[in-house]
Amino acid sequence: QVQLVESGGGLVQPGGSLRLSCAASETIGNIYAMGWFRQTPGKERHLVAMITTGDITYYSDSIKGRFTIFRDSAKNIVYLQMNSLKPEDTAVYYCTTRRFNSSWSDWGQGTQVTVSS
């Protein structure tokens, strides 16, 4: 089981930026994909971005063009750079892993992002 620790959340004004970090306890090069989900109260968690070992990325339509997922394999950290933040981006953001031919499994504790003036 991979231990994941997120950080970087906080309060930001609309139009601002934040960078979330997800530190993994094992070599992320051995993990097929890593992703960021977000969740608001009363709603299901959903995927916003993911990156594979081949650096293939996916973004949900709601954040495409504003968020960028990238990784530092030497540090075993995956980042989510969030620009042009909107109030609707307010959520708890979770980091997660996915093994090849498997579902999303390990989860971090989450980090709160609040976009408000």
PDB file of N, CA and C in Angstrom:
ATOM      1  N   GLN A   1       0.849  -1.191   0.000  1.00  0.00           N
ATOM      2  CA  GLN A   1       0.000   0.000   0.000  1.00  0.00           C
ATOM      3  C   GLN A   1       0.887   1.245   0.000  1.00  0.00           C
ATOM      4  N   VAL A   2       0.564   2.164  -0.874  1.00  0.00           N
ATOM      5  CA  VAL A   2       1.335   3.393  -0.979  1.00  0.00           C
ATOM      6  C   VAL A   2       0.767   4.440  -0.031  1.00  0.00           C
ATOM      7  N   GLN A   3       1.626   5.064   0.720  1.00  0.00           N
ATOM      8  CA  GLN A   3       1.213   6.188   1.576  1.00  0.00           C
ATOM      9  C   GLN A   3       1.332   7.471   0.755  1.00  0.00           C
ATOM     10  N   LEU A   4       0.268   8.259   0.798  1.00  0.00           N
ATOM     11  CA  LEU A   4       0.224   9.502   0.038  1.00  0.00           C
ATOM     12  C   LEU A   4      -0.080  10.658   0.983  1.00  0.00           C
ATOM     13  N   VAL A   5       0.664  11.730   0.851  1.00  0.00           N
ATOM     14  CA  VAL A   5       0.456  12.910   1.696  1.00  0.00           C
ATOM     15  C   VAL A   5       0.310  14.123   0.793  1.00  0.00           C
ATOM     16  N   GLU A   6      -0.878  14.729   0.846  1.00  0.00           N
ATOM     17  CA  GLU A   6      -1.129  15.935   0.055  1.00  0.00           C
ATOM     18  C   GLU A   6      -0.802  17.175   0.864  1.00  0.00           C
ATOM     19  N   SER A   7      -0.466  18.227   0.154  1.00  0.00           N
ATOM     20  CA  SER A   7      -0.254  19.533   0.783  1.00  0.00           C
ATOM     21  C   SER A   7      -0.453  20.609  -0.263  1.00  0.00           C
ATOM     22  N   GLY A   8      -0.533  21.848   0.211  1.00  0.00           N
ATOM     23  CA  GLY A   8      -0.614  22.977  -0.705  1.00  0.00           C
ATOM     24  C   GLY A   8      -1.983  23.619  -0.821  1.00  0.00           C
ATOM     25  N   GLY A   9      -2.983  23.036  -0.170  1.00  0.00           N
ATOM     26  CA  GLY A   9      -4.294  23.644  -0.223  1.00  0.00           C
ATOM     27  C   GLY A   9      -4.364  24.920   0.589  1.00  0.00           C
ATOM     28  N   GLY A  10      -5.490  25.619   0.463  1.00  0.00           N
ATOM     29  CA  GLY A  10      -5.664  26.850   1.226  1.00  0.00           C
ATOM     30  C   GLY A  10      -6.761  27.703   0.655  1.00  0.00           C
ATOM     31  N   LEU A  11      -6.787  28.947   1.099  1.00  0.00           N
ATOM     32  CA  LEU A  11      -7.768  29.917   0.649  1.00  0.00           C
ATOM     33  C   LEU A  11      -7.125  30.831  -0.383  1.00  0.00           C
ATOM     34  N   VAL A  12      -7.797  31.002  -1.498  1.00  0.00           N
ATOM     35  CA  VAL A  12      -7.268  31.858  -2.563  1.00  0.00           C
ATOM     36  C   VAL A  12      -8.419  32.622  -3.189  1.00  0.00           C
ATOM     37  N   GLN A  13      -8.138  33.793  -3.696  1.00  0.00           N
ATOM     38  CA  GLN A  13      -9.164  34.593  -4.350  1.00  0.00           C
ATOM     39  C   GLN A  13      -9.407  34.072  -5.775  1.00  0.00           C
ATOM     40  N   PRO A  14     -10.582  34.336  -6.301  1.00  0.00           N
ATOM     41  CA  PRO A  14     -10.840  33.952  -7.705  1.00  0.00           C
ATOM     42  C   PRO A  14      -9.793  34.551  -8.628  1.00  0.00           C
ATOM     43  N   GLY A  15      -9.359  33.721  -9.578  1.00  0.00           N
ATOM     44  CA  GLY A  15      -8.293  34.142 -10.485  1.00  0.00           C
ATOM     45  C   GLY A  15      -6.902  33.821  -9.992  1.00  0.00           C
ATOM     46  N   GLY A  16      -6.795  33.401  -8.756  1.00  0.00           N
ATOM     47  CA  GLY A  16      -5.496  33.088  -8.180  1.00  0.00           C
ATOM     48  C   GLY A  16      -5.015  31.696  -8.534  1.00  0.00           C
ATOM     49  N   SER A  17      -3.865  31.337  -7.949  1.00  0.00           N
ATOM     50  CA  SER A  17      -3.234  30.056  -8.245  1.00  0.00           C
ATOM     51  C   SER A  17      -2.838  29.346  -6.960  1.00  0.00           C
ATOM     52  N   LEU A  18      -2.804  28.034  -7.048  1.00  0.00           N
ATOM     53  CA  LEU A  18      -2.278  27.178  -5.997  1.00  0.00           C
ATOM     54  C   LEU A  18      -1.571  26.006  -6.646  1.00  0.00           C
ATOM     55  N   ARG A  19      -0.592  25.457  -5.936  1.00  0.00           N
ATOM     56  CA  ARG A  19       0.044  24.229  -6.389  1.00  0.00           C
ATOM     57  C   ARG A  19      -0.098  23.179  -5.305  1.00  0.00           C
ATOM     58  N   LEU A  20      -0.775  22.110  -5.633  1.00  0.00           N
ATOM     59  CA  LEU A  20      -0.915  20.990  -4.712  1.00  0.00           C
ATOM     60  C   LEU A  20       0.218  19.994  -4.939  1.00  0.00           C
ATOM     61  N   SER A  21       0.666  19.387  -3.852  1.00  0.00           N
ATOM     62  CA  SER A  21       1.711  18.373  -3.921  1.00  0.00           C
ATOM     63  C   SER A  21       1.205  17.074  -3.319  1.00  0.00           C
ATOM     64  N   CYS A  22       1.669  15.975  -3.870  1.00  0.00           N
ATOM     65  CA  CYS A  22       1.330  14.651  -3.349  1.00  0.00           C
ATOM     66  C   CYS A  22       2.633  13.859  -3.254  1.00  0.00           C
ATOM     67  N   ALA A  23       3.065  13.630  -2.033  1.00  0.00           N
ATOM     68  CA  ALA A  23       4.302  12.883  -1.801  1.00  0.00           C
ATOM     69  C   ALA A  23       3.965  11.411  -1.581  1.00  0.00           C
ATOM     70  N   ALA A  24       4.609  10.547  -2.355  1.00  0.00           N
ATOM     71  CA  ALA A  24       4.345   9.110  -2.274  1.00  0.00           C
ATOM     72  C   ALA A  24       5.460   8.399  -1.524  1.00  0.00           C
ATOM     73  N   SER A  25       5.096   7.304  -0.868  1.00  0.00           N
ATOM     74  CA  SER A  25       6.057   6.553  -0.058  1.00  0.00           C
ATOM     75  C   SER A  25       6.855   5.552  -0.873  1.00  0.00           C
ATOM     76  N   GLU A  26       6.535   5.410  -2.149  1.00  0.00           N
ATOM     77  CA  GLU A  26       7.317   4.523  -2.989  1.00  0.00           C
ATOM     78  C   GLU A  26       7.578   5.177  -4.342  1.00  0.00           C
ATOM     79  N   THR A  27       8.435   4.566  -5.109  1.00  0.00           N
ATOM     80  CA  THR A  27       8.826   5.121  -6.395  1.00  0.00           C
ATOM     81  C   THR A  27       7.623   5.236  -7.317  1.00  0.00           C
ATOM     82  N   ILE A  28       7.312   6.466  -7.709  1.00  0.00           N
ATOM     83  CA  ILE A  28       6.110   6.664  -8.527  1.00  0.00           C
ATOM     84  C   ILE A  28       6.291   6.124  -9.936  1.00  0.00           C
ATOM     85  N   GLY A  29       7.532   5.891 -10.328  1.00  0.00           N
ATOM     86  CA  GLY A  29       7.774   5.276 -11.622  1.00  0.00           C
ATOM     87  C   GLY A  29       7.268   3.849 -11.700  1.00  0.00           C
ATOM     88  N   ASN A  30       7.028   3.249 -10.539  1.00  0.00           N
ATOM     89  CA  ASN A  30       6.492   1.893 -10.482  1.00  0.00           C
ATOM     90  C   ASN A  30       4.970   1.853 -10.460  1.00  0.00           C
ATOM     91  N   ILE A  31       4.370   3.013 -10.433  1.00  0.00           N
ATOM     92  CA  ILE A  31       2.911   3.113 -10.335  1.00  0.00           C
ATOM     93  C   ILE A  31       2.363   3.527 -11.694  1.00  0.00           C
ATOM     94  N   TYR A  32       1.424   2.769 -12.225  1.00  0.00           N
ATOM     95  CA  TYR A  32       0.921   3.024 -13.577  1.00  0.00           C
ATOM     96  C   TYR A  32       0.402   4.447 -13.752  1.00  0.00           C
ATOM     97  N   ALA A  33      -0.394   4.904 -12.818  1.00  0.00           N
ATOM     98  CA  ALA A  33      -0.964   6.246 -12.944  1.00  0.00           C
ATOM     99  C   ALA A  33      -1.188   6.849 -11.571  1.00  0.00           C
ATOM    100  N   MET A  34      -1.098   8.169 -11.545  1.00  0.00           N
ATOM    101  CA  MET A  34      -1.464   8.902 -10.334  1.00  0.00           C
ATOM    102  C   MET A  34      -2.455   9.977 -10.727  1.00  0.00           C
ATOM    103  N   GLY A  35      -3.381  10.219  -9.845  1.00  0.00           N
ATOM    104  CA  GLY A  35      -4.438  11.153 -10.183  1.00  0.00           C
ATOM    105  C   GLY A  35      -4.829  12.057  -9.044  1.00  0.00           C
ATOM    106  N   TRP A  36      -5.542  13.084  -9.399  1.00  0.00           N
ATOM    107  CA  TRP A  36      -6.151  14.001  -8.436  1.00  0.00           C
ATOM    108  C   TRP A  36      -7.660  13.961  -8.629  1.00  0.00           C
ATOM    109  N   PHE A  37      -8.353  13.699  -7.540  1.00  0.00           N
ATOM    110  CA  PHE A  37      -9.811  13.756  -7.491  1.00  0.00           C
ATOM    111  C   PHE A  37     -10.196  14.946  -6.622  1.00  0.00           C
ATOM    112  N   ARG A  38     -11.431  15.380  -6.757  1.00  0.00           N
ATOM    113  CA  ARG A  38     -11.940  16.378  -5.828  1.00  0.00           C
ATOM    114  C   ARG A  38     -13.363  16.034  -5.428  1.00  0.00           C
ATOM    115  N   GLN A  39     -13.737  16.535  -4.269  1.00  0.00           N
ATOM    116  CA  GLN A  39     -15.045  16.211  -3.708  1.00  0.00           C
ATOM    117  C   GLN A  39     -15.591  17.395  -2.937  1.00  0.00           C
ATOM    118  N   THR A  40     -16.861  17.683  -3.168  1.00  0.00           N
ATOM    119  CA  THR A  40     -17.570  18.702  -2.392  1.00  0.00           C
ATOM    120  C   THR A  40     -18.615  18.015  -1.528  1.00  0.00           C
ATOM    121  N   PRO A  41     -19.059  18.675  -0.467  1.00  0.00           N
ATOM    122  CA  PRO A  41     -20.001  18.043   0.471  1.00  0.00           C
ATOM    123  C   PRO A  41     -21.248  17.520  -0.226  1.00  0.00           C
ATOM    124  N   GLY A  42     -21.606  16.278   0.055  1.00  0.00           N
ATOM    125  CA  GLY A  42     -22.811  15.684  -0.483  1.00  0.00           C
ATOM    126  C   GLY A  42     -22.687  15.158  -1.899  1.00  0.00           C
ATOM    127  N   LYS A  43     -21.498  15.290  -2.471  1.00  0.00           N
ATOM    128  CA  LYS A  43     -21.311  14.826  -3.846  1.00  0.00           C
ATOM    129  C   LYS A  43     -20.225  13.771  -3.917  1.00  0.00           C
ATOM    130  N   GLU A  44     -20.228  13.013  -5.010  1.00  0.00           N
ATOM    131  CA  GLU A  44     -19.222  11.983  -5.192  1.00  0.00           C
ATOM    132  C   GLU A  44     -17.879  12.600  -5.558  1.00  0.00           C
ATOM    133  N   ARG A  45     -16.852  11.836  -5.227  1.00  0.00           N
ATOM    134  CA  ARG A  45     -15.524  12.224  -5.619  1.00  0.00           C
ATOM    135  C   ARG A  45     -15.356  11.979  -7.126  1.00  0.00           C
ATOM    136  N   HIS A  46     -14.743  12.927  -7.843  1.00  0.00           N
ATOM    137  CA  HIS A  46     -14.536  12.685  -9.255  1.00  0.00           C
ATOM    138  C   HIS A  46     -13.148  13.110  -9.700  1.00  0.00           C
ATOM    139  N   LEU A  47     -12.699  12.447 -10.764  1.00  0.00           N
ATOM    140  CA  LEU A  47     -11.347  12.656 -11.268  1.00  0.00           C
ATOM    141  C   LEU A  47     -11.236  13.989 -11.992  1.00  0.00           C
ATOM    142  N   VAL A  48     -10.189  14.750 -11.679  1.00  0.00           N
ATOM    143  CA  VAL A  48      -9.947  15.994 -12.407  1.00  0.00           C
ATOM    144  C   VAL A  48      -8.705  15.913 -13.286  1.00  0.00           C
ATOM    145  N   ALA A  49      -7.701  15.122 -12.869  1.00  0.00           N
ATOM    146  CA  ALA A  49      -6.484  15.011 -13.662  1.00  0.00           C
ATOM    147  C   ALA A  49      -5.746  13.744 -13.298  1.00  0.00           C
ATOM    148  N   MET A  50      -5.043  13.188 -14.302  1.00  0.00           N
ATOM    149  CA  MET A  50      -4.221  12.024 -14.036  1.00  0.00           C
ATOM    150  C   MET A  50      -3.011  12.042 -14.956  1.00  0.00           C
ATOM    151  N   ILE A  51      -1.966  11.319 -14.539  1.00  0.00           N
ATOM    152  CA  ILE A  51      -0.755  11.194 -15.335  1.00  0.00           C
ATOM    153  C   ILE A  51      -0.252   9.772 -15.211  1.00  0.00           C
ATOM    154  N   THR A  52       0.177   9.210 -16.351  1.00  0.00           N
ATOM    155  CA  THR A  52       0.664   7.837 -16.346  1.00  0.00           C
ATOM    156  C   THR A  52       2.191   7.810 -16.345  1.00  0.00           C
ATOM    157  N   THR A  53       2.724   6.605 -16.224  1.00  0.00           N
ATOM    158  CA  THR A  53       4.174   6.460 -16.247  1.00  0.00           C
ATOM    159  C   THR A  53       4.747   6.889 -17.590  1.00  0.00           C
ATOM    160  N   GLY A  54       3.940   6.857 -18.635  1.00  0.00           N
ATOM    161  CA  GLY A  54       4.377   7.321 -19.948  1.00  0.00           C
ATOM    162  C   GLY A  54       4.111   8.796 -20.164  1.00  0.00           C
ATOM    163  N   ASP A  55       3.777   9.488 -19.066  1.00  0.00           N
ATOM    164  CA  ASP A  55       3.479  10.927 -19.094  1.00  0.00           C
ATOM    165  C   ASP A  55       2.282  11.276 -19.963  1.00  0.00           C
ATOM    166  N   ILE A  56       1.389  10.338 -20.102  1.00  0.00           N
ATOM    167  CA  ILE A  56       0.110  10.640 -20.740  1.00  0.00           C
ATOM    168  C   ILE A  56      -0.780  11.275 -19.683  1.00  0.00           C
ATOM    169  N   THR A  57      -1.402  12.390 -20.039  1.00  0.00           N
ATOM    170  CA  THR A  57      -2.224  13.108 -19.078  1.00  0.00           C
ATOM    171  C   THR A  57      -3.683  13.128 -19.533  1.00  0.00           C
ATOM    172  N   TYR A  58      -4.531  13.272 -18.555  1.00  0.00           N
ATOM    173  CA  TYR A  58      -5.976  13.431 -18.780  1.00  0.00           C
ATOM    174  C   TYR A  58      -6.455  14.554 -17.885  1.00  0.00           C
ATOM    175  N   TYR A  59      -7.375  15.361 -18.418  1.00  0.00           N
ATOM    176  CA  TYR A  59      -7.988  16.437 -17.636  1.00  0.00           C
ATOM    177  C   TYR A  59      -9.493  16.428 -17.853  1.00  0.00           C
ATOM    178  N   SER A  60     -10.224  16.668 -16.793  1.00  0.00           N
ATOM    179  CA  SER A  60     -11.660  16.809 -16.952  1.00  0.00           C
ATOM    180  C   SER A  60     -11.957  18.123 -17.663  1.00  0.00           C
ATOM    181  N   ASP A  61     -13.073  18.185 -18.312  1.00  0.00           N
ATOM    182  CA  ASP A  61     -13.418  19.384 -19.076  1.00  0.00           C
ATOM    183  C   ASP A  61     -13.503  20.614 -18.181  1.00  0.00           C
ATOM    184  N   SER A  62     -13.889  20.433 -16.952  1.00  0.00           N
ATOM    185  CA  SER A  62     -14.093  21.571 -16.060  1.00  0.00           C
ATOM    186  C   SER A  62     -12.800  22.304 -15.711  1.00  0.00           C
ATOM    187  N   ILE A  63     -11.673  21.648 -15.835  1.00  0.00           N
ATOM    188  CA  ILE A  63     -10.407  22.284 -15.448  1.00  0.00           C
ATOM    189  C   ILE A  63      -9.406  22.345 -16.598  1.00  0.00           C
ATOM    190  N   LYS A  64      -9.766  21.831 -17.743  1.00  0.00           N
ATOM    191  CA  LYS A  64      -8.855  21.790 -18.868  1.00  0.00           C
ATOM    192  C   LYS A  64      -8.407  23.202 -19.257  1.00  0.00           C
ATOM    193  N   GLY A  65      -7.099  23.350 -19.438  1.00  0.00           N
ATOM    194  CA  GLY A  65      -6.539  24.646 -19.798  1.00  0.00           C
ATOM    195  C   GLY A  65      -6.171  25.505 -18.611  1.00  0.00           C
ATOM    196  N   ARG A  66      -6.618  25.112 -17.425  1.00  0.00           N
ATOM    197  CA  ARG A  66      -6.314  25.895 -16.215  1.00  0.00           C
ATOM    198  C   ARG A  66      -5.411  25.129 -15.251  1.00  0.00           C
ATOM    199  N   PHE A  67      -5.570  23.829 -15.213  1.00  0.00           N
ATOM    200  CA  PHE A  67      -4.786  22.988 -14.305  1.00  0.00           C
ATOM    201  C   PHE A  67      -3.767  22.184 -15.103  1.00  0.00           C
ATOM    202  N   THR A  68      -2.636  21.902 -14.465  1.00  0.00           N
ATOM    203  CA  THR A  68      -1.606  21.070 -15.076  1.00  0.00           C
ATOM    204  C   THR A  68      -1.121  20.053 -14.053  1.00  0.00           C
ATOM    205  N   ILE A  69      -1.091  18.797 -14.439  1.00  0.00           N
ATOM    206  CA  ILE A  69      -0.541  17.751 -13.578  1.00  0.00           C
ATOM    207  C   ILE A  69       0.848  17.389 -14.098  1.00  0.00           C
ATOM    208  N   PHE A  70       1.786  17.272 -13.187  1.00  0.00           N
ATOM    209  CA  PHE A  70       3.126  16.878 -13.567  1.00  0.00           C
ATOM    210  C   PHE A  70       3.785  16.212 -12.365  1.00  0.00           C
ATOM    211  N   ARG A  71       4.925  15.584 -12.614  1.00  0.00           N
ATOM    212  CA  ARG A  71       5.536  14.834 -11.524  1.00  0.00           C
ATOM    213  C   ARG A  71       7.044  15.030 -11.508  1.00  0.00           C
ATOM    214  N   ASP A  72       7.609  14.846 -10.337  1.00  0.00           N
ATOM    215  CA  ASP A  72       9.050  14.839 -10.132  1.00  0.00           C
ATOM    216  C   ASP A  72       9.391  13.433  -9.651  1.00  0.00           C
ATOM    217  N   SER A  73       9.847  12.599 -10.564  1.00  0.00           N
ATOM    218  CA  SER A  73      10.099  11.200 -10.219  1.00  0.00           C
ATOM    219  C   SER A  73      11.247  11.046  -9.237  1.00  0.00           C
ATOM    220  N   ALA A  74      12.183  11.968  -9.271  1.00  0.00           N
ATOM    221  CA  ALA A  74      13.323  11.892  -8.349  1.00  0.00           C
ATOM    222  C   ALA A  74      12.869  12.090  -6.909  1.00  0.00           C
ATOM    223  N   LYS A  75      11.832  12.901  -6.729  1.00  0.00           N
ATOM    224  CA  LYS A  75      11.324  13.191  -5.380  1.00  0.00           C
ATOM    225  C   LYS A  75      10.075  12.380  -5.042  1.00  0.00           C
ATOM    226  N   ASN A  76       9.565  11.629  -6.019  1.00  0.00           N
ATOM    227  CA  ASN A  76       8.325  10.866  -5.818  1.00  0.00           C
ATOM    228  C   ASN A  76       7.168  11.776  -5.421  1.00  0.00           C
ATOM    229  N   ILE A  77       7.049  12.875  -6.128  1.00  0.00           N
ATOM    230  CA  ILE A  77       5.985  13.835  -5.870  1.00  0.00           C
ATOM    231  C   ILE A  77       5.219  14.097  -7.168  1.00  0.00           C
ATOM    232  N   VAL A  78       3.916  14.152  -7.049  1.00  0.00           N
ATOM    233  CA  VAL A  78       3.055  14.559  -8.159  1.00  0.00           C
ATOM    234  C   VAL A  78       2.410  15.885  -7.779  1.00  0.00           C
ATOM    235  N   TYR A  79       2.367  16.781  -8.734  1.00  0.00           N
ATOM    236  CA  TYR A  79       1.843  18.127  -8.481  1.00  0.00           C
ATOM    237  C   TYR A  79       0.577  18.371  -9.300  1.00  0.00           C
ATOM    238  N   LEU A  80      -0.213  19.291  -8.787  1.00  0.00           N
ATOM    239  CA  LEU A  80      -1.337  19.812  -9.551  1.00  0.00           C
ATOM    240  C   LEU A  80      -1.244  21.328  -9.475  1.00  0.00           C
ATOM    241  N   GLN A  81      -0.834  21.921 -10.578  1.00  0.00           N
ATOM    242  CA  GLN A  81      -0.762  23.384 -10.663  1.00  0.00           C
ATOM    243  C   GLN A  81      -2.128  23.889 -11.086  1.00  0.00           C
ATOM    244  N   MET A  82      -2.709  24.724 -10.259  1.00  0.00           N
ATOM    245  CA  MET A  82      -4.060  25.224 -10.512  1.00  0.00           C
ATOM    246  C   MET A  82      -4.012  26.731 -10.713  1.00  0.00           C
ATOM    247  N   ASN A  83      -4.364  27.164 -11.910  1.00  0.00           N
ATOM    248  CA  ASN A  83      -4.378  28.584 -12.250  1.00  0.00           C
ATOM    249  C   ASN A  83      -5.799  29.025 -12.566  1.00  0.00           C
ATOM    250  N   SER A  84      -5.992  30.316 -12.566  1.00  0.00           N
ATOM    251  CA  SER A  84      -7.305  30.898 -12.892  1.00  0.00           C
ATOM    252  C   SER A  84      -8.411  30.219 -12.091  1.00  0.00           C
ATOM    253  N   LEU A  85      -8.194  30.109 -10.810  1.00  0.00           N
ATOM    254  CA  LEU A  85      -9.149  29.390  -9.965  1.00  0.00           C
ATOM    255  C   LEU A  85     -10.493  30.097  -9.891  1.00  0.00           C
ATOM    256  N   LYS A  86     -11.519  29.279  -9.818  1.00  0.00           N
ATOM    257  CA  LYS A  86     -12.889  29.770  -9.750  1.00  0.00           C
ATOM    258  C   LYS A  86     -13.542  29.278  -8.451  1.00  0.00           C
ATOM    259  N   PRO A  87     -14.572  29.944  -7.980  1.00  0.00           N
ATOM    260  CA  PRO A  87     -15.249  29.473  -6.772  1.00  0.00           C
ATOM    261  C   PRO A  87     -15.721  28.018  -6.887  1.00  0.00           C
ATOM    262  N   GLU A  88     -16.085  27.613  -8.070  1.00  0.00           N
ATOM    263  CA  GLU A  88     -16.551  26.234  -8.247  1.00  0.00           C
ATOM    264  C   GLU A  88     -15.432  25.191  -8.154  1.00  0.00           C
ATOM    265  N   ASP A  89     -14.192  25.648  -8.059  1.00  0.00           N
ATOM    266  CA  ASP A  89     -13.078  24.727  -7.826  1.00  0.00           C
ATOM    267  C   ASP A  89     -12.930  24.394  -6.339  1.00  0.00           C
ATOM    268  N   THR A  90     -13.687  25.061  -5.512  1.00  0.00           N
ATOM    269  CA  THR A  90     -13.637  24.798  -4.082  1.00  0.00           C
ATOM    270  C   THR A  90     -14.032  23.353  -3.803  1.00  0.00           C
ATOM    271  N   ALA A  91     -13.146  22.636  -3.099  1.00  0.00           N
ATOM    272  CA  ALA A  91     -13.365  21.211  -2.840  1.00  0.00           C
ATOM    273  C   ALA A  91     -12.222  20.684  -1.991  1.00  0.00           C
ATOM    274  N   VAL A  92     -12.381  19.460  -1.531  1.00  0.00           N
ATOM    275  CA  VAL A  92     -11.250  18.730  -0.965  1.00  0.00           C
ATOM    276  C   VAL A  92     -10.621  17.951  -2.112  1.00  0.00           C
ATOM    277  N   TYR A  93      -9.325  18.107  -2.268  1.00  0.00           N
ATOM    278  CA  TYR A  93      -8.599  17.454  -3.353  1.00  0.00           C
ATOM    279  C   TYR A  93      -7.822  16.255  -2.788  1.00  0.00           C
ATOM    280  N   TYR A  94      -7.967  15.124  -3.467  1.00  0.00           N
ATOM    281  CA  TYR A  94      -7.340  13.881  -3.034  1.00  0.00           C
ATOM    282  C   TYR A  94      -6.389  13.369  -4.099  1.00  0.00           C
ATOM    283  N   CYS A  95      -5.265  12.871  -3.648  1.00  0.00           N
ATOM    284  CA  CYS A  95      -4.296  12.214  -4.512  1.00  0.00           C
ATOM    285  C   CYS A  95      -4.542  10.703  -4.435  1.00  0.00           C
ATOM    286  N   THR A  96      -4.330  10.002  -5.543  1.00  0.00           N
ATOM    287  CA  THR A  96      -4.594   8.577  -5.562  1.00  0.00           C
ATOM    288  C   THR A  96      -3.708   7.885  -6.581  1.00  0.00           C
ATOM    289  N   THR A  97      -3.623   6.560  -6.458  1.00  0.00           N
ATOM    290  CA  THR A  97      -2.812   5.761  -7.360  1.00  0.00           C
ATOM    291  C   THR A  97      -3.652   4.721  -8.073  1.00  0.00           C
ATOM    292  N   ARG A  98      -3.113   4.270  -9.201  1.00  0.00           N
ATOM    293  CA  ARG A  98      -3.802   3.228  -9.958  1.00  0.00           C
ATOM    294  C   ARG A  98      -2.751   2.305 -10.551  1.00  0.00           C
ATOM    295  N   ARG A  99      -2.879   1.025 -10.256  1.00  0.00           N
ATOM    296  CA  ARG A  99      -2.010   0.025 -10.847  1.00  0.00           C
ATOM    297  C   ARG A  99      -2.543  -0.344 -12.214  1.00  0.00           C
ATOM    298  N   PHE A 100      -1.702  -0.923 -13.047  1.00  0.00           N
ATOM    299  CA  PHE A 100      -2.101  -1.314 -14.392  1.00  0.00           C
ATOM    300  C   PHE A 100      -3.251  -2.312 -14.325  1.00  0.00           C
ATOM    301  N   ASN A 101      -4.279  -2.091 -15.155  1.00  0.00           N
ATOM    302  CA  ASN A 101      -5.460  -2.967 -15.185  1.00  0.00           C
ATOM    303  C   ASN A 101      -6.148  -3.068 -13.825  1.00  0.00           C
ATOM    304  N   SER A 102      -6.096  -1.990 -13.087  1.00  0.00           N
ATOM    305  CA  SER A 102      -6.746  -1.983 -11.787  1.00  0.00           C
ATOM    306  C   SER A 102      -7.474  -0.666 -11.591  1.00  0.00           C
ATOM    307  N   SER A 103      -8.204  -0.574 -10.507  1.00  0.00           N
ATOM    308  CA  SER A 103      -8.928   0.659 -10.220  1.00  0.00           C
ATOM    309  C   SER A 103      -8.090   1.545  -9.290  1.00  0.00           C
ATOM    310  N   TRP A 104      -8.573   2.763  -9.093  1.00  0.00           N
ATOM    311  CA  TRP A 104      -7.909   3.667  -8.156  1.00  0.00           C
ATOM    312  C   TRP A 104      -7.963   3.058  -6.756  1.00  0.00           C
ATOM    313  N   SER A 105      -6.815   3.069  -6.057  1.00  0.00           N
ATOM    314  CA  SER A 105      -6.765   2.339  -4.801  1.00  0.00           C
ATOM    315  C   SER A 105      -6.294   3.183  -3.622  1.00  0.00           C
ATOM    316  N   ASP A 106      -5.010   3.471  -3.518  1.00  0.00           N
ATOM    317  CA  ASP A 106      -4.496   4.215  -2.383  1.00  0.00           C
ATOM    318  C   ASP A 106      -4.937   5.675  -2.453  1.00  0.00           C
ATOM    319  N   TRP A 107      -5.249   6.232  -1.283  1.00  0.00           N
ATOM    320  CA  TRP A 107      -5.728   7.608  -1.223  1.00  0.00           C
ATOM    321  C   TRP A 107      -4.994   8.375  -0.133  1.00  0.00           C
ATOM    322  N   GLY A 108      -4.783   9.647  -0.396  1.00  0.00           N
ATOM    323  CA  GLY A 108      -4.257  10.514   0.640  1.00  0.00           C
ATOM    324  C   GLY A 108      -5.384  11.007   1.533  1.00  0.00           C
ATOM    325  N   GLN A 109      -5.038  11.855   2.484  1.00  0.00           N
ATOM    326  CA  GLN A 109      -6.027  12.345   3.441  1.00  0.00           C
ATOM    327  C   GLN A 109      -6.826  13.524   2.901  1.00  0.00           C
ATOM    328  N   GLY A 110      -6.377  14.095   1.816  1.00  0.00           N
ATOM    329  CA  GLY A 110      -7.076  15.218   1.216  1.00  0.00           C
ATOM    330  C   GLY A 110      -6.554  16.556   1.686  1.00  0.00           C
ATOM    331  N   THR A 111      -6.699  17.553   0.830  1.00  0.00           N
ATOM    332  CA  THR A 111      -6.329  18.919   1.181  1.00  0.00           C
ATOM    333  C   THR A 111      -7.419  19.857   0.679  1.00  0.00           C
ATOM    334  N   GLN A 112      -7.822  20.781   1.548  1.00  0.00           N
ATOM    335  CA  GLN A 112      -8.939  21.676   1.237  1.00  0.00           C
ATOM    336  C   GLN A 112      -8.469  22.846   0.385  1.00  0.00           C
ATOM    337  N   VAL A 113      -9.196  23.091  -0.685  1.00  0.00           N
ATOM    338  CA  VAL A 113      -8.981  24.268  -1.525  1.00  0.00           C
ATOM    339  C   VAL A 113     -10.258  25.089  -1.490  1.00  0.00           C
ATOM    340  N   THR A 114     -10.127  26.338  -1.110  1.00  0.00           N
ATOM    341  CA  THR A 114     -11.272  27.236  -1.051  1.00  0.00           C
ATOM    342  C   THR A 114     -10.972  28.455  -1.897  1.00  0.00           C
ATOM    343  N   VAL A 115     -11.853  28.705  -2.863  1.00  0.00           N
ATOM    344  CA  VAL A 115     -11.697  29.856  -3.752  1.00  0.00           C
ATOM    345  C   VAL A 115     -12.821  30.826  -3.441  1.00  0.00           C
ATOM    346  N   SER A 116     -12.456  31.953  -2.846  1.00  0.00           N
ATOM    347  CA  SER A 116     -13.463  32.898  -2.397  1.00  0.00           C
ATOM    348  C   SER A 116     -12.839  34.278  -2.251  1.00  0.00           C
ATOM    349  N   SER A 117     -13.658  35.298  -2.506  1.00  0.00           N
ATOM    350  CA  SER A 117     -13.204  36.661  -2.300  1.00  0.00           C
ATOM    351  C   SER A 117     -13.573  37.143  -0.904  1.00  0.00           C
TER     352      SER A 117
END
